[in-house]
């Protein structure tokens, strides 16, 4: 079973008056318990209260991701790497419309119609 951590731009899209049809179709095909987001509180799902926290494991991963980006001459966004670190720490695929922000990490973009 694959779990998915929704990036902020995905959550934002589903609240628009005219959300992405391909995103809605993809989300509808997933069990609610597998759709997660990052937050300050511990394990709860987007639709059933499932929030993944930025804990010590995620903090260490975040530091590594930030360091790797800097060492490669490609500084990374602090907030994007918090999402990435929480996803990696909890064995989740990052669901985003900004794949380039998560280069080198496991991502899925259901907003692309070719998926």
PDB file of N, CA and C in Angstrom:
ATOM      1  N   UNK A   1       0.834  -1.176   0.000  1.00  0.00           N
ATOM      2  CA  UNK A   1       0.000   0.000   0.000  1.00  0.00           C
ATOM      3  C   UNK A   1       0.886   1.249   0.000  1.00  0.00           C
ATOM      4  N   UNK A   2       0.603   2.166  -0.922  1.00  0.00           N
ATOM      5  CA  UNK A   2       1.350   3.409  -1.011  1.00  0.00           C
ATOM      6  C   UNK A   2       0.586   4.511  -0.301  1.00  0.00           C
ATOM      7  N   UNK A   3       1.339   5.288   0.464  1.00  0.00           N
ATOM      8  CA  UNK A   3       0.749   6.450   1.131  1.00  0.00           C
ATOM      9  C   UNK A   3       1.273   7.697   0.431  1.00  0.00           C
ATOM     10  N   UNK A   4       0.461   8.721   0.398  1.00  0.00           N
ATOM     11  CA  UNK A   4       0.793   9.934  -0.335  1.00  0.00           C
ATOM     12  C   UNK A   4       0.727  11.152   0.572  1.00  0.00           C
ATOM     13  N   UNK A   5       1.783  11.963   0.534  1.00  0.00           N
ATOM     14  CA  UNK A   5       1.809  13.217   1.274  1.00  0.00           C
ATOM     15  C   UNK A   5       1.499  14.327   0.277  1.00  0.00           C
ATOM     16  N   UNK A   6       0.405  15.055   0.516  1.00  0.00           N
ATOM     17  CA  UNK A   6      -0.043  16.100  -0.403  1.00  0.00           C
ATOM     18  C   UNK A   6       0.690  17.406  -0.135  1.00  0.00           C
ATOM     19  N   UNK A   7       1.325  17.928  -1.181  1.00  0.00           N
ATOM     20  CA  UNK A   7       1.987  19.222  -1.105  1.00  0.00           C
ATOM     21  C   UNK A   7       0.908  20.304  -0.989  1.00  0.00           C
ATOM     22  N   UNK A   8       1.284  21.448  -0.484  1.00  0.00           N
ATOM     23  CA  UNK A   8       0.349  22.547  -0.275  1.00  0.00           C
ATOM     24  C   UNK A   8      -0.365  22.940  -1.567  1.00  0.00           C
ATOM     25  N   UNK A   9       0.353  22.900  -2.719  1.00  0.00           N
ATOM     26  CA  UNK A   9      -0.292  23.321  -3.964  1.00  0.00           C
ATOM     27  C   UNK A   9      -1.409  22.362  -4.383  1.00  0.00           C
ATOM     28  N   UNK A  10      -1.325  21.110  -3.973  1.00  0.00           N
ATOM     29  CA  UNK A  10      -2.380  20.135  -4.266  1.00  0.00           C
ATOM     30  C   UNK A  10      -3.600  20.422  -3.391  1.00  0.00           C
ATOM     31  N   UNK A  11      -3.371  20.651  -2.117  1.00  0.00           N
ATOM     32  CA  UNK A  11      -4.470  20.978  -1.204  1.00  0.00           C
ATOM     33  C   UNK A  11      -5.139  22.270  -1.649  1.00  0.00           C
ATOM     34  N   UNK A  12      -4.343  23.244  -2.068  1.00  0.00           N
ATOM     35  CA  UNK A  12      -4.874  24.509  -2.556  1.00  0.00           C
ATOM     36  C   UNK A  12      -5.735  24.306  -3.799  1.00  0.00           C
ATOM     37  N   UNK A  13      -5.280  23.454  -4.709  1.00  0.00           N
ATOM     38  CA  UNK A  13      -6.021  23.225  -5.944  1.00  0.00           C
ATOM     39  C   UNK A  13      -7.402  22.628  -5.691  1.00  0.00           C
ATOM     40  N   UNK A  14      -7.483  21.681  -4.756  1.00  0.00           N
ATOM     41  CA  UNK A  14      -8.781  21.030  -4.532  1.00  0.00           C
ATOM     42  C   UNK A  14      -9.797  21.966  -3.876  1.00  0.00           C
ATOM     43  N   UNK A  15      -9.344  23.101  -3.361  1.00  0.00           N
ATOM     44  CA  UNK A  15     -10.268  24.059  -2.754  1.00  0.00           C
ATOM     45  C   UNK A  15     -10.692  25.158  -3.722  1.00  0.00           C
ATOM     46  N   UNK A  16     -10.137  25.168  -4.941  1.00  0.00           N
ATOM     47  CA  UNK A  16     -10.489  26.176  -5.941  1.00  0.00           C
ATOM     48  C   UNK A  16     -11.909  25.931  -6.465  1.00  0.00           C
ATOM     49  N   UNK A  17     -12.537  26.977  -6.965  1.00  0.00           N
ATOM     50  CA  UNK A  17     -13.868  26.793  -7.563  1.00  0.00           C
ATOM     51  C   UNK A  17     -13.846  25.822  -8.754  1.00  0.00           C
ATOM     52  N   UNK A  18     -12.722  25.768  -9.474  1.00  0.00           N
ATOM     53  CA  UNK A  18     -12.597  24.883 -10.627  1.00  0.00           C
ATOM     54  C   UNK A  18     -11.317  24.049 -10.480  1.00  0.00           C
ATOM     55  N   UNK A  19     -11.306  23.046  -9.587  1.00  0.00           N
ATOM     56  CA  UNK A  19     -10.100  22.253  -9.350  1.00  0.00           C
ATOM     57  C   UNK A  19      -9.746  21.361 -10.544  1.00  0.00           C
ATOM     58  N   UNK A  20      -8.531  20.890 -10.557  1.00  0.00           N
ATOM     59  CA  UNK A  20      -8.042  19.991 -11.602  1.00  0.00           C
ATOM     60  C   UNK A  20      -8.872  18.710 -11.616  1.00  0.00           C
ATOM     61  N   UNK A  21      -9.470  18.414 -12.765  1.00  0.00           N
ATOM     62  CA  UNK A  21     -10.273  17.187 -12.899  1.00  0.00           C
ATOM     63  C   UNK A  21      -9.417  15.947 -12.704  1.00  0.00           C
ATOM     64  N   UNK A  22      -8.209  15.961 -13.290  1.00  0.00           N
ATOM     65  CA  UNK A  22      -7.354  14.777 -13.162  1.00  0.00           C
ATOM     66  C   UNK A  22      -6.936  14.556 -11.713  1.00  0.00           C
ATOM     67  N   UNK A  23      -6.719  15.635 -10.963  1.00  0.00           N
ATOM     68  CA  UNK A  23      -6.385  15.513  -9.544  1.00  0.00           C
ATOM     69  C   UNK A  23      -7.567  14.929  -8.774  1.00  0.00           C
ATOM     70  N   UNK A  24      -8.764  15.445  -9.008  1.00  0.00           N
ATOM     71  CA  UNK A  24      -9.939  14.939  -8.307  1.00  0.00           C
ATOM     72  C   UNK A  24     -10.186  13.463  -8.622  1.00  0.00           C
ATOM     73  N   UNK A  25     -10.011  13.080  -9.871  1.00  0.00           N
ATOM     74  CA  UNK A  25     -10.186  11.675 -10.257  1.00  0.00           C
ATOM     75  C   UNK A  25      -9.165  10.793  -9.560  1.00  0.00           C
ATOM     76  N   UNK A  26      -7.897  11.257  -9.520  1.00  0.00           N
ATOM     77  CA  UNK A  26      -6.846  10.478  -8.863  1.00  0.00           C
ATOM     78  C   UNK A  26      -7.150  10.343  -7.374  1.00  0.00           C
ATOM     79  N   UNK A  27      -7.504  11.447  -6.737  1.00  0.00           N
ATOM     80  CA  UNK A  27      -7.792  11.409  -5.297  1.00  0.00           C
ATOM     81  C   UNK A  27      -8.978  10.501  -4.994  1.00  0.00           C
ATOM     82  N   UNK A  28      -9.987  10.542  -5.843  1.00  0.00           N
ATOM     83  CA  UNK A  28     -11.168   9.717  -5.647  1.00  0.00           C
ATOM     84  C   UNK A  28     -10.829   8.224  -5.707  1.00  0.00           C
ATOM     85  N   UNK A  29      -9.777   7.876  -6.436  1.00  0.00           N
ATOM     86  CA  UNK A  29      -9.370   6.474  -6.577  1.00  0.00           C
ATOM     87  C   UNK A  29      -8.499   5.992  -5.413  1.00  0.00           C
ATOM     88  N   UNK A  30      -8.093   6.902  -4.516  1.00  0.00           N
ATOM     89  CA  UNK A  30      -7.225   6.543  -3.393  1.00  0.00           C
ATOM     90  C   UNK A  30      -8.043   6.371  -2.119  1.00  0.00           C
ATOM     91  N   UNK A  31      -7.654   5.425  -1.272  1.00  0.00           N
ATOM     92  CA  UNK A  31      -8.310   5.345   0.042  1.00  0.00           C
ATOM     93  C   UNK A  31      -8.009   6.626   0.840  1.00  0.00           C
ATOM     94  N   UNK A  32      -8.999   7.168   1.498  1.00  0.00           N
ATOM     95  CA  UNK A  32      -8.811   8.391   2.283  1.00  0.00           C
ATOM     96  C   UNK A  32      -7.648   8.277   3.259  1.00  0.00           C
ATOM     97  N   UNK A  33      -7.461   7.105   3.833  1.00  0.00           N
ATOM     98  CA  UNK A  33      -6.415   6.927   4.839  1.00  0.00           C
ATOM     99  C   UNK A  33      -5.008   6.989   4.250  1.00  0.00           C
ATOM    100  N   UNK A  34      -4.885   6.942   2.910  1.00  0.00           N
ATOM    101  CA  UNK A  34      -3.572   7.016   2.269  1.00  0.00           C
ATOM    102  C   UNK A  34      -3.231   8.421   1.788  1.00  0.00           C
ATOM    103  N   UNK A  35      -4.125   9.385   1.978  1.00  0.00           N
ATOM    104  CA  UNK A  35      -3.901  10.777   1.586  1.00  0.00           C
ATOM    105  C   UNK A  35      -3.599  11.580   2.841  1.00  0.00           C
ATOM    106  N   UNK A  36      -2.341  12.024   2.957  1.00  0.00           N
ATOM    107  CA  UNK A  36      -1.861  12.648   4.183  1.00  0.00           C
ATOM    108  C   UNK A  36      -1.309  14.040   3.907  1.00  0.00           C
ATOM    109  N   UNK A  37      -1.131  14.811   4.962  1.00  0.00           N
ATOM    110  CA  UNK A  37      -0.440  16.086   4.821  1.00  0.00           C
ATOM    111  C   UNK A  37       0.406  16.341   6.052  1.00  0.00           C
ATOM    112  N   UNK A  38       1.369  17.254   5.907  1.00  0.00           N
ATOM    113  CA  UNK A  38       2.299  17.545   7.001  1.00  0.00           C
ATOM    114  C   UNK A  38       1.731  18.651   7.870  1.00  0.00           C
ATOM    115  N   UNK A  39       1.901  18.496   9.162  1.00  0.00           N
ATOM    116  CA  UNK A  39       1.424  19.496  10.101  1.00  0.00           C
ATOM    117  C   UNK A  39       2.188  19.403  11.406  1.00  0.00           C
ATOM    118  N   UNK A  40       1.919  20.294  12.306  1.00  0.00           N
ATOM    119  CA  UNK A  40       2.658  20.347  13.565  1.00  0.00           C
ATOM    120  C   UNK A  40       2.271  19.265  14.568  1.00  0.00           C
ATOM    121  N   UNK A  41       1.197  18.551  14.306  1.00  0.00           N
ATOM    122  CA  UNK A  41       0.737  17.560  15.269  1.00  0.00           C
ATOM    123  C   UNK A  41       0.909  16.162  14.733  1.00  0.00           C
ATOM    124  N   UNK A  42       0.927  15.203  15.599  1.00  0.00           N
ATOM    125  CA  UNK A  42       1.234  13.837  15.229  1.00  0.00           C
ATOM    126  C   UNK A  42       0.125  13.039  14.595  1.00  0.00           C
ATOM    127  N   UNK A  43       0.498  11.884  14.043  1.00  0.00           N
ATOM    128  CA  UNK A  43      -0.255  11.150  13.046  1.00  0.00           C
ATOM    129  C   UNK A  43      -1.778  11.215  13.105  1.00  0.00           C
ATOM    130  N   UNK A  44      -2.349  11.817  12.115  1.00  0.00           N
ATOM    131  CA  UNK A  44      -3.793  11.918  11.864  1.00  0.00           C
ATOM    132  C   UNK A  44      -4.042  11.845  10.378  1.00  0.00           C
ATOM    133  N   UNK A  45      -5.495  11.653   8.572  1.00  0.00           N
ATOM    134  CA  UNK A  45      -5.579  11.771   7.117  1.00  0.00           C
ATOM    135  C   UNK A  45      -6.321  13.024   6.761  1.00  0.00           C
ATOM    136  N   UNK A  46      -6.082  13.450   5.641  1.00  0.00           N
ATOM    137  CA  UNK A  46      -6.700  14.678   5.164  1.00  0.00           C
ATOM    138  C   UNK A  46      -8.200  14.680   5.451  1.00  0.00           C
ATOM    139  N   UNK A  47      -8.835  13.565   5.263  1.00  0.00           N
ATOM    140  CA  UNK A  47     -10.275  13.494   5.426  1.00  0.00           C
ATOM    141  C   UNK A  47     -10.683  12.844   6.737  1.00  0.00           C
ATOM    142  N   UNK A  48      -9.747  12.172   7.386  1.00  0.00           N
ATOM    143  CA  UNK A  48     -10.076  11.499   8.644  1.00  0.00           C
ATOM    144  C   UNK A  48      -9.103  11.913   9.743  1.00  0.00           C
ATOM    145  N   UNK A  49      -8.573  13.114   9.653  1.00  0.00           N
ATOM    146  CA  UNK A  49      -7.717  13.631  10.699  1.00  0.00           C
ATOM    147  C   UNK A  49      -6.287  13.142  10.690  1.00  0.00           C
ATOM    148  N   UNK A  50      -5.732  12.704   9.560  1.00  0.00           N
ATOM    149  CA  UNK A  50      -4.371  12.151   9.525  1.00  0.00           C
ATOM    150  C   UNK A  50      -3.352  13.214   9.133  1.00  0.00           C
ATOM    151  N   UNK A  51      -2.560  13.622  10.097  1.00  0.00           N
ATOM    152  CA  UNK A  51      -1.514  14.623   9.888  1.00  0.00           C
ATOM    153  C   UNK A  51      -0.193  13.986  10.272  1.00  0.00           C
ATOM    154  N   UNK A  52       0.824  14.184   9.458  1.00  0.00           N
ATOM    155  CA  UNK A  52       2.153  13.660   9.781  1.00  0.00           C
ATOM    156  C   UNK A  52       2.992  14.798  10.340  1.00  0.00           C
ATOM    157  N   UNK A  53       3.683  14.555  11.433  1.00  0.00           N
ATOM    158  CA  UNK A  53       4.415  15.629  12.105  1.00  0.00           C
ATOM    159  C   UNK A  53       5.863  15.715  11.656  1.00  0.00           C
ATOM    160  N   UNK A  54       6.414  16.902  11.856  1.00  0.00           N
ATOM    161  CA  UNK A  54       7.835  17.166  11.619  1.00  0.00           C
ATOM    162  C   UNK A  54       8.550  16.822  12.909  1.00  0.00           C
ATOM    163  N   UNK A  55       8.942  15.552  13.015  1.00  0.00           N
ATOM    164  CA  UNK A  55       9.570  15.063  14.244  1.00  0.00           C
ATOM    165  C   UNK A  55      11.094  15.037  14.097  1.00  0.00           C
ATOM    166  N   UNK A  56      11.773  14.417  15.041  1.00  0.00           N
ATOM    167  CA  UNK A  56      13.238  14.388  15.025  1.00  0.00           C
ATOM    168  C   UNK A  56      13.779  13.683  13.782  1.00  0.00           C
ATOM    169  N   UNK A  57      13.163  12.580  13.387  1.00  0.00           N
ATOM    170  CA  UNK A  57      13.599  11.857  12.184  1.00  0.00           C
ATOM    171  C   UNK A  57      13.474  12.759  10.953  1.00  0.00           C
ATOM    172  N   UNK A  58      12.347  13.442  10.828  1.00  0.00           N
ATOM    173  CA  UNK A  58      12.136  14.347   9.700  1.00  0.00           C
ATOM    174  C   UNK A  58      13.118  15.514   9.749  1.00  0.00           C
ATOM    175  N   UNK A  59      13.412  16.007  10.934  1.00  0.00           N
ATOM    176  CA  UNK A  59      14.351  17.126  11.070  1.00  0.00           C
ATOM    177  C   UNK A  59      15.745  16.739  10.576  1.00  0.00           C
ATOM    178  N   UNK A  60      16.180  15.540  10.898  1.00  0.00           N
ATOM    179  CA  UNK A  60      17.486  15.079  10.430  1.00  0.00           C
ATOM    180  C   UNK A  60      17.498  14.899   8.919  1.00  0.00           C
ATOM    181  N   UNK A  61      16.414  14.373   8.369  1.00  0.00           N
ATOM    182  CA  UNK A  61      16.309  14.244   6.912  1.00  0.00           C
ATOM    183  C   UNK A  61      16.276  15.614   6.247  1.00  0.00           C
ATOM    184  N   UNK A  62      15.566  16.558   6.847  1.00  0.00           N
ATOM    185  CA  UNK A  62      15.496  17.913   6.313  1.00  0.00           C
ATOM    186  C   UNK A  62      16.896  18.521   6.240  1.00  0.00           C
ATOM    187  N   UNK A  63      17.664  18.377   7.298  1.00  0.00           N
ATOM    188  CA  UNK A  63      19.021  18.927   7.314  1.00  0.00           C
ATOM    189  C   UNK A  63      19.864  18.308   6.198  1.00  0.00           C
ATOM    190  N   UNK A  64      19.724  17.007   5.992  1.00  0.00           N
ATOM    191  CA  UNK A  64      20.468  16.333   4.924  1.00  0.00           C
ATOM    192  C   UNK A  64      20.036  16.846   3.552  1.00  0.00           C
ATOM    193  N   UNK A  65      18.738  16.963   3.328  1.00  0.00           N
ATOM    194  CA  UNK A  65      18.238  17.449   2.038  1.00  0.00           C
ATOM    195  C   UNK A  65      18.708  18.879   1.758  1.00  0.00           C
ATOM    196  N   UNK A  66      18.665  19.723   2.755  1.00  0.00           N
ATOM    197  CA  UNK A  66      19.129  21.103   2.586  1.00  0.00           C
ATOM    198  C   UNK A  66      20.621  21.144   2.299  1.00  0.00           C
ATOM    199  N   UNK A  67      21.385  20.337   3.011  1.00  0.00           N
ATOM    200  CA  UNK A  67      22.832  20.279   2.823  1.00  0.00           C
ATOM    201  C   UNK A  67      23.201  19.760   1.434  1.00  0.00           C
ATOM    202  N   UNK A  68      22.492  18.703   0.984  1.00  0.00           N
ATOM    203  CA  UNK A  68      22.759  18.143  -0.340  1.00  0.00           C
ATOM    204  C   UNK A  68      22.481  19.164  -1.437  1.00  0.00           C
ATOM    205  N   UNK A  69      21.401  19.896  -1.303  1.00  0.00           N
ATOM    206  CA  UNK A  69      21.081  20.923  -2.290  1.00  0.00           C
ATOM    207  C   UNK A  69      22.138  22.008  -2.337  1.00  0.00           C
ATOM    208  N   UNK A  70      22.546  22.455  -1.178  1.00  0.00           N
ATOM    209  CA  UNK A  70      23.578  23.498  -1.100  1.00  0.00           C
ATOM    210  C   UNK A  70      24.892  22.998  -1.693  1.00  0.00           C
ATOM    211  N   UNK A  71      25.279  21.760  -1.355  1.00  0.00           N
ATOM    212  CA  UNK A  71      26.538  21.190  -1.852  1.00  0.00           C
ATOM    213  C   UNK A  71      26.513  21.030  -3.377  1.00  0.00           C
ATOM    214  N   UNK A  72      25.338  20.785  -3.940  1.00  0.00           N
ATOM    215  CA  UNK A  72      25.207  20.619  -5.387  1.00  0.00           C
ATOM    216  C   UNK A  72      25.070  21.964  -6.100  1.00  0.00           C
ATOM    217  N   UNK A  73      25.092  23.057  -5.339  1.00  0.00           N
ATOM    218  CA  UNK A  73      24.939  24.382  -5.929  1.00  0.00           C
ATOM    219  C   UNK A  73      23.503  24.680  -6.326  1.00  0.00           C
ATOM    220  N   UNK A  74      22.555  23.924  -5.747  1.00  0.00           N
ATOM    221  CA  UNK A  74      21.132  24.103  -6.036  1.00  0.00           C
ATOM    222  C   UNK A  74      20.373  24.214  -4.718  1.00  0.00           C
ATOM    223  N   UNK A  75      20.452  25.386  -4.083  1.00  0.00           N
ATOM    224  CA  UNK A  75      19.755  25.555  -2.805  1.00  0.00           C
ATOM    225  C   UNK A  75      18.279  25.194  -2.927  1.00  0.00           C
ATOM    226  N   UNK A  76      17.746  24.587  -1.885  1.00  0.00           N
ATOM    227  CA  UNK A  76      16.357  24.126  -1.887  1.00  0.00           C
ATOM    228  C   UNK A  76      15.505  24.977  -0.964  1.00  0.00           C
ATOM    229  N   UNK A  77      14.223  25.013  -1.271  1.00  0.00           N
ATOM    230  CA  UNK A  77      13.269  25.757  -0.449  1.00  0.00           C
ATOM    231  C   UNK A  77      13.132  25.092   0.921  1.00  0.00           C
ATOM    232  N   UNK A  78      13.238  25.891   1.959  1.00  0.00           N
ATOM    233  CA  UNK A  78      13.100  25.388   3.327  1.00  0.00           C
ATOM    234  C   UNK A  78      11.748  24.698   3.511  1.00  0.00           C
ATOM    235  N   UNK A  79      10.672  25.339   3.072  1.00  0.00           N
ATOM    236  CA  UNK A  79       9.336  24.777   3.279  1.00  0.00           C
ATOM    237  C   UNK A  79       9.104  23.530   2.442  1.00  0.00           C
ATOM    238  N   UNK A  80       9.561  23.524   1.180  1.00  0.00           N
ATOM    239  CA  UNK A  80       9.414  22.327   0.355  1.00  0.00           C
ATOM    240  C   UNK A  80      10.168  21.152   0.963  1.00  0.00           C
ATOM    241  N   UNK A  81      11.329  21.420   1.527  1.00  0.00           N
ATOM    242  CA  UNK A  81      12.117  20.327   2.093  1.00  0.00           C
ATOM    243  C   UNK A  81      11.540  19.840   3.416  1.00  0.00           C
ATOM    244  N   UNK A  82      10.749  20.662   4.100  1.00  0.00           N
ATOM    245  CA  UNK A  82      10.019  20.162   5.272  1.00  0.00           C
ATOM    246  C   UNK A  82       8.989  19.139   4.807  1.00  0.00           C
ATOM    247  N   UNK A  83       8.247  19.461   3.749  1.00  0.00           N
ATOM    248  CA  UNK A  83       7.286  18.510   3.176  1.00  0.00           C
ATOM    249  C   UNK A  83       8.019  17.245   2.745  1.00  0.00           C
ATOM    250  N   UNK A  84       9.145  17.403   2.049  1.00  0.00           N
ATOM    251  CA  UNK A  84       9.912  16.245   1.571  1.00  0.00           C
ATOM    252  C   UNK A  84      10.408  15.387   2.727  1.00  0.00           C
ATOM    253  N   UNK A  85      10.938  16.013   3.757  1.00  0.00           N
ATOM    254  CA  UNK A  85      11.484  15.264   4.891  1.00  0.00           C
ATOM    255  C   UNK A  85      10.390  14.490   5.625  1.00  0.00           C
ATOM    256  N   UNK A  86       9.225  15.106   5.800  1.00  0.00           N
ATOM    257  CA  UNK A  86       8.110  14.413   6.450  1.00  0.00           C
ATOM    258  C   UNK A  86       7.674  13.232   5.590  1.00  0.00           C
ATOM    259  N   UNK A  87       7.636  13.439   4.269  1.00  0.00           N
ATOM    260  CA  UNK A  87       7.249  12.345   3.358  1.00  0.00           C
ATOM    261  C   UNK A  87       8.238  11.190   3.448  1.00  0.00           C
ATOM    262  N   UNK A  88       9.520  11.476   3.353  1.00  0.00           N
ATOM    263  CA  UNK A  88      10.538  10.426   3.400  1.00  0.00           C
ATOM    264  C   UNK A  88      10.521   9.720   4.758  1.00  0.00           C
ATOM    265  N   UNK A  89      10.398  10.475   5.837  1.00  0.00           N
ATOM    266  CA  UNK A  89      10.389   9.898   7.184  1.00  0.00           C
ATOM    267  C   UNK A  89       9.213   8.953   7.402  1.00  0.00           C
ATOM    268  N   UNK A  90       8.143   9.161   6.634  1.00  0.00           N
ATOM    269  CA  UNK A  90       6.928   8.353   6.807  1.00  0.00           C
ATOM    270  C   UNK A  90       6.633   7.459   5.612  1.00  0.00           C
ATOM    271  N   UNK A  91       7.659   7.232   4.771  1.00  0.00           N
ATOM    272  CA  UNK A  91       7.521   6.357   3.598  1.00  0.00           C
ATOM    273  C   UNK A  91       6.350   6.742   2.707  1.00  0.00           C
ATOM    274  N   UNK A  92       6.271   8.017   2.367  1.00  0.00           N
ATOM    275  CA  UNK A  92       5.199   8.520   1.511  1.00  0.00           C
ATOM    276  C   UNK A  92       5.766   9.035   0.191  1.00  0.00           C
ATOM    277  N   UNK A  93       4.946   8.979  -0.839  1.00  0.00           N
ATOM    278  CA  UNK A  93       5.238   9.609  -2.118  1.00  0.00           C
ATOM    279  C   UNK A  93       4.724  11.045  -2.018  1.00  0.00           C
ATOM    280  N   UNK A  94       5.501  12.003  -2.522  1.00  0.00           N
ATOM    281  CA  UNK A  94       5.098  13.405  -2.506  1.00  0.00           C
ATOM    282  C   UNK A  94       4.191  13.660  -3.703  1.00  0.00           C
ATOM    283  N   UNK A  95       2.990  14.161  -3.447  1.00  0.00           N
ATOM    284  CA  UNK A  95       2.054  14.501  -4.517  1.00  0.00           C
ATOM    285  C   UNK A  95       2.110  16.014  -4.678  1.00  0.00           C
ATOM    286  N   UNK A  96       2.551  16.461  -5.868  1.00  0.00           N
ATOM    287  CA  UNK A  96       2.778  17.880  -6.098  1.00  0.00           C
ATOM    288  C   UNK A  96       2.610  18.238  -7.557  1.00  0.00           C
ATOM    289  N   UNK A  97       2.373  19.507  -7.803  1.00  0.00           N
ATOM    290  CA  UNK A  97       2.366  20.040  -9.160  1.00  0.00           C
ATOM    291  C   UNK A  97       3.684  20.764  -9.425  1.00  0.00           C
ATOM    292  N   UNK A  98       4.617  20.664  -8.504  1.00  0.00           N
ATOM    293  CA  UNK A  98       5.931  21.312  -8.612  1.00  0.00           C
ATOM    294  C   UNK A  98       7.043  20.280  -8.510  1.00  0.00           C
ATOM    295  N   UNK A  99       7.091  19.352  -9.451  1.00  0.00           N
ATOM    296  CA  UNK A  99       8.090  18.277  -9.383  1.00  0.00           C
ATOM    297  C   UNK A  99       9.514  18.803  -9.277  1.00  0.00           C
ATOM    298  N   UNK A 100       9.809  19.905  -9.966  1.00  0.00           N
ATOM    299  CA  UNK A 100      11.184  20.412  -9.962  1.00  0.00           C
ATOM    300  C   UNK A 100      11.640  20.826  -8.563  1.00  0.00           C
ATOM    301  N   UNK A 101      10.714  21.193  -7.697  1.00  0.00           N
ATOM    302  CA  UNK A 101      11.080  21.572  -6.326  1.00  0.00           C
ATOM    303  C   UNK A 101      11.539  20.367  -5.506  1.00  0.00           C
ATOM    304  N   UNK A 102      11.193  19.167  -5.967  1.00  0.00           N
ATOM    305  CA  UNK A 102      11.500  17.945  -5.217  1.00  0.00           C
ATOM    306  C   UNK A 102      12.403  17.023  -6.027  1.00  0.00           C
ATOM    307  N   UNK A 103      13.275  17.602  -6.798  1.00  0.00           N
ATOM    308  CA  UNK A 103      14.194  16.849  -7.647  1.00  0.00           C
ATOM    309  C   UNK A 103      14.956  15.790  -6.847  1.00  0.00           C
ATOM    310  N   UNK A 104      14.976  14.578  -7.385  1.00  0.00           N
ATOM    311  CA  UNK A 104      15.697  13.489  -6.730  1.00  0.00           C
ATOM    312  C   UNK A 104      14.870  12.720  -5.717  1.00  0.00           C
ATOM    313  N   UNK A 105      13.632  13.134  -5.501  1.00  0.00           N
ATOM    314  CA  UNK A 105      12.754  12.476  -4.534  1.00  0.00           C
ATOM    315  C   UNK A 105      11.593  11.815  -5.268  1.00  0.00           C
ATOM    316  N   UNK A 106      10.914  10.890  -4.607  1.00  0.00           N
ATOM    317  CA  UNK A 106       9.793  10.198  -5.225  1.00  0.00           C
ATOM    318  C   UNK A 106       8.554  11.094  -5.221  1.00  0.00           C
ATOM    319  N   UNK A 107       8.133  11.496  -6.425  1.00  0.00           N
ATOM    320  CA  UNK A 107       6.986  12.387  -6.563  1.00  0.00           C
ATOM    321  C   UNK A 107       5.975  11.841  -7.565  1.00  0.00           C
ATOM    322  N   UNK A 108       4.774  12.339  -7.451  1.00  0.00           N
ATOM    323  CA  UNK A 108       3.688  12.007  -8.369  1.00  0.00           C
ATOM    324  C   UNK A 108       2.930  13.297  -8.635  1.00  0.00           C
ATOM    325  N   UNK A 109       2.608  13.539  -9.916  1.00  0.00           N
ATOM    326  CA  UNK A 109       1.825  14.713 -10.263  1.00  0.00           C
ATOM    327  C   UNK A 109       0.557  14.272 -10.981  1.00  0.00           C
ATOM    328  N   UNK A 110      -0.528  14.038 -10.242  1.00  0.00           N
ATOM    329  CA  UNK A 110      -1.777  13.611 -10.871  1.00  0.00           C
ATOM    330  C   UNK A 110      -2.481  14.734 -11.641  1.00  0.00           C
ATOM    331  N   UNK A 111      -1.929  15.938 -11.583  1.00  0.00           N
ATOM    332  CA  UNK A 111      -2.527  17.044 -12.304  1.00  0.00           C
ATOM    333  C   UNK A 111      -2.130  17.019 -13.779  1.00  0.00           C
ATOM    334  N   UNK A 112      -1.168  16.204 -14.099  1.00  0.00           N
ATOM    335  CA  UNK A 112      -0.783  16.018 -15.505  1.00  0.00           C
ATOM    336  C   UNK A 112      -1.719  14.977 -16.079  1.00  0.00           C
ATOM    337  N   UNK A 113      -2.297  15.268 -17.190  1.00  0.00           N
ATOM    338  CA  UNK A 113      -3.273  14.356 -17.774  1.00  0.00           C
ATOM    339  C   UNK A 113      -2.647  13.075 -18.302  1.00  0.00           C
ATOM    340  N   UNK A 114      -1.320  13.043 -18.470  1.00  0.00           N
ATOM    341  CA  UNK A 114      -0.666  11.840 -18.980  1.00  0.00           C
ATOM    342  C   UNK A 114      -0.462  10.773 -17.926  1.00  0.00           C
ATOM    343  N   UNK A 115      -0.798  11.044 -16.659  1.00  0.00           N
ATOM    344  CA  UNK A 115      -0.592  10.073 -15.572  1.00  0.00           C
ATOM    345  C   UNK A 115      -1.700   9.069 -15.531  1.00  0.00           C
TER     346      UNK A 115
END
